[in-house]
C-alpha atoms as a PDB file:
ATOM      1  CA  MET A   1      55.776 -11.075  -6.144  1.00  0.00           C
ATOM      2  CA  GLN A   2      53.802 -10.836  -9.071  1.00  0.00           C
ATOM      3  CA  GLN A   3      53.583  -7.800 -11.557  1.00  0.00           C
ATOM      4  CA  GLN A   4      50.987  -5.552 -11.497  1.00  0.00           C
ATOM      5  CA  GLN A   5      49.433  -3.943 -14.526  1.00  0.00           C
ATOM      6  CA  PRO A   6      49.428  -0.580 -15.241  1.00  0.00           C
ATOM      7  CA  PRO A   7      45.991   1.102 -13.371  1.00  0.00           C
ATOM      8  CA  GLN A   8      44.777   2.465 -16.987  1.00  0.00           C
ATOM      9  CA  THR A   9      44.092  -1.102 -17.727  1.00  0.00           C
ATOM     10  CA  PHE A  10      42.098  -1.720 -14.576  1.00  0.00           C
ATOM     11  CA  PRO A  11      38.949  -0.160 -14.648  1.00  0.00           C
ATOM     12  CA  PHE A  12      37.741  -1.734 -18.349  1.00  0.00           C
ATOM     13  CA  GLN A  13      39.010  -5.307 -16.676  1.00  0.00           C
ATOM     14  CA  ALA A  14      37.552  -5.014 -12.882  1.00  0.00           C
ATOM     15  CA  SER A  15      34.321  -3.164 -14.770  1.00  0.00           C
ATOM     16  CA  GLY A  16      33.982  -5.177 -18.347  1.00  0.00           C
ATOM     17  CA  LYS A  17      32.737  -1.447 -19.546  1.00  0.00           C
ATOM     18  CA  LYS A  18      35.125   1.094 -21.573  1.00  0.00           C
ATOM     19  CA  ILE A  19      35.514   4.400 -19.292  1.00  0.00           C
ATOM     20  CA  PRO A  20      36.307   7.146 -20.567  1.00  0.00           C
ATOM     21  CA  TYR A  21      39.449   9.229 -19.209  1.00  0.00           C
ATOM     22  CA  GLU A  22      41.687  12.262 -20.032  1.00  0.00           C
ATOM     23  CA  LEU A  23      44.894  12.997 -18.423  1.00  0.00           C
ATOM     24  CA  CYS A  24      45.218  16.397 -16.928  1.00  0.00           C
ATOM     25  CA  PRO A  25      47.960  18.136 -15.438  1.00  0.00           C
ATOM     26  CA  ARG A  26      47.234  17.849 -11.407  1.00  0.00           C
ATOM     27  CA  ARG A  27      45.580  20.349 -10.041  1.00  0.00           C
ATOM     28  CA  PRO A  28      46.191  22.561  -6.698  1.00  0.00           C
ATOM     29  CA  GLY A  29      45.412  20.394  -3.880  1.00  0.00           C
ATOM     30  CA  ASP A  30      46.390  17.475  -5.860  1.00  0.00           C
ATOM     31  CA  VAL A  31      48.661  14.499  -4.347  1.00  0.00           C
ATOM     32  CA  GLY A  32      51.849  14.723  -6.373  1.00  0.00           C
ATOM     33  CA  SER A  33      51.878  10.213  -5.591  1.00  0.00           C
ATOM     34  CA  SER A  34      51.083   7.830  -3.215  1.00  0.00           C
ATOM     35  CA  TYR A  35      52.448   4.549  -2.404  1.00  0.00           C
ATOM     36  CA  ALA A  36      51.728   1.709   0.072  1.00  0.00           C
ATOM     37  CA  THR A  37      52.774  -1.678   1.261  1.00  0.00           C
ATOM     38  CA  CYS A  38      52.082  -4.300   3.111  1.00  0.00           C
ATOM     39  CA  GLU A  39      55.270  -5.260   4.557  1.00  0.00           C
ATOM     40  CA  ARG A  40      54.799  -3.194   7.931  1.00  0.00           C
ATOM     41  CA  ALA A  41      51.288  -5.033   8.915  1.00  0.00           C
ATOM     42  CA  GLU A  42      53.018  -8.445   8.398  1.00  0.00           C
ATOM     43  CA  LYS A  43      56.054  -7.479  10.490  1.00  0.00           C
ATOM     44  CA  GLU A  44      54.005  -5.758  12.991  1.00  0.00           C
ATOM     45  CA  LEU A  45      50.884  -7.976  13.130  1.00  0.00           C
ATOM     46  CA  GLY A  46      51.286 -10.666  11.195  1.00  0.00           C
ATOM     47  CA  TRP A  47      48.922  -9.518   8.780  1.00  0.00           C
ATOM     48  CA  LYS A  48      49.317 -10.822   5.125  1.00  0.00           C
ATOM     49  CA  SER A  49      47.213  -9.042   2.092  1.00  0.00           C
ATOM     50  CA  LYS A  50      45.993 -12.148   0.019  1.00  0.00           C
ATOM     51  CA  LEU A  51      44.690  -9.403  -2.890  1.00  0.00           C
ATOM     52  CA  THR A  52      45.848  -7.220  -5.353  1.00  0.00           C
ATOM     53  CA  LEU A  53      44.951  -3.919  -6.702  1.00  0.00           C
ATOM     54  CA  PHE A  54      43.257  -5.065  -8.801  1.00  0.00           C
ATOM     55  CA  ASP A  55      40.988  -7.264  -6.679  1.00  0.00           C
ATOM     56  CA  MET A  56      40.068  -3.814  -4.937  1.00  0.00           C
ATOM     57  CA  CYS A  57      39.094  -2.306  -8.118  1.00  0.00           C
ATOM     58  CA  LYS A  58      36.937  -5.101  -9.296  1.00  0.00           C
ATOM     59  CA  ASP A  59      35.168  -5.208  -6.099  1.00  0.00           C
ATOM     60  CA  THR A  60      34.848  -0.980  -6.050  1.00  0.00           C
ATOM     61  CA  TRP A  61      33.428  -1.401  -9.035  1.00  0.00           C
ATOM     62  CA  ASN A  62      31.307  -4.069  -8.403  1.00  0.00           C
ATOM     63  CA  TRP A  63      29.567  -2.442  -5.219  1.00  0.00           C
ATOM     64  CA  GLN A  64      29.249   0.817  -6.715  1.00  0.00           C
ATOM     65  CA  SER A  65      26.994  -0.594  -9.540  1.00  0.00           C
ATOM     66  CA  LYS A  66      24.431  -1.958  -7.106  1.00  0.00           C
ATOM     67  CA  ASN A  67      24.740   1.178  -5.020  1.00  0.00           C
ATOM     68  CA  PRO A  68      24.611   3.896  -7.325  1.00  0.00           C
ATOM     69  CA  GLN A  69      23.353   6.325  -4.352  1.00  0.00           C
ATOM     70  CA  GLY A  70      26.033   5.037  -1.867  1.00  0.00           C
ATOM     71  CA  TYR A  71      24.884   3.979   1.296  1.00  0.00           C
ATOM     72  CA  SER A  72      21.202   4.274   2.084  1.00  0.00           C
ATOM     73  CA  LYS A  73      20.111   5.821   5.228  1.00  0.00           C
ATOM     74  CA  GLN A  74      17.741   2.685   6.086  1.00  0.00           C
ATOM     75  CA  PRO A  75      19.319  -0.050   8.239  1.00  0.00           C
ATOM     76  CA  MET A  76      19.711  -2.936   6.850  1.00  0.00           C
ATOM     77  CA  GLN A  77      18.023  -5.894   6.630  1.00  0.00           C
ATOM     78  CA  THR A  78      19.000  -9.213   8.204  1.00  0.00           C
ATOM     79  CA  SER A  79      17.340 -12.390   7.570  1.00  0.00           C
END
């Protein structure tokens, strides 16, 4: 299994920009920790993840950069 880098490095590597952040205490209602694995999907559905957490960060940055207002209310144009 490929060793993942700490999440703090993802924003810069995914965006190519220095993104300021500040580590703060948890707020009321914040999740203490969250973990996920694709093992159950592979076992029960035969589905195996091809992409990494880094790929997700990079794709999210790319989409948000191209869509700063989020989803358009206009129907998508098809060619």
